[in-house]
Amino acid sequence: MSKVGTGLAATLNGISAFATSAATSVATGGIGLATDIGANAIKSYNDNRAASLGITTEELFASGQGEILIPSSIAVVQLALERLGLKKVGDYFNKLPAGNTKGLFYLLNVGNAEAVPEYFQGGLDVLNAGLDQGFTI
């Protein structure tokens, strides 16, 4: 894939991820977003751990080796970062006057506020995956 295609795909992924987070958060008062982030962290952590042991996730939990605390702790930090990004973007839209011709520039600038939390959330996903492989903090 070309660099332009990769960039376009990343941009569309970012927009769709943001829209999904915003819709889930608004529709459920933030609860759906929290459960989504938490469930994904727990599932990812335990799926990777089970795969590294050569068993299914169900077998991992049945044997008492499933983990909830570590991925849930990481999810709390991810949720805080996600809510920070959503707040910054929401603040932008609330301040935008009708007919503002500089709207796109300002939106791109505020998009940076969402990009930074997403960057750290990605790092926390990597940390989550590493912890289930035996890495320690």
Foldseek 3Di string as FASTA:
>chain_A
DDPVVVVVVVVVVLVVVLVVLVVQCVVVVHPSNLVVLLVVLQVLLLCLLQVVVVHHSVVCVVVVNRDRPVSNVLSVLLSVLQVQLNVLLVVLVVPDDPPDPCSVVVNVVSVVSNVVSVVVNVVSSVVSSVVSVPDDD
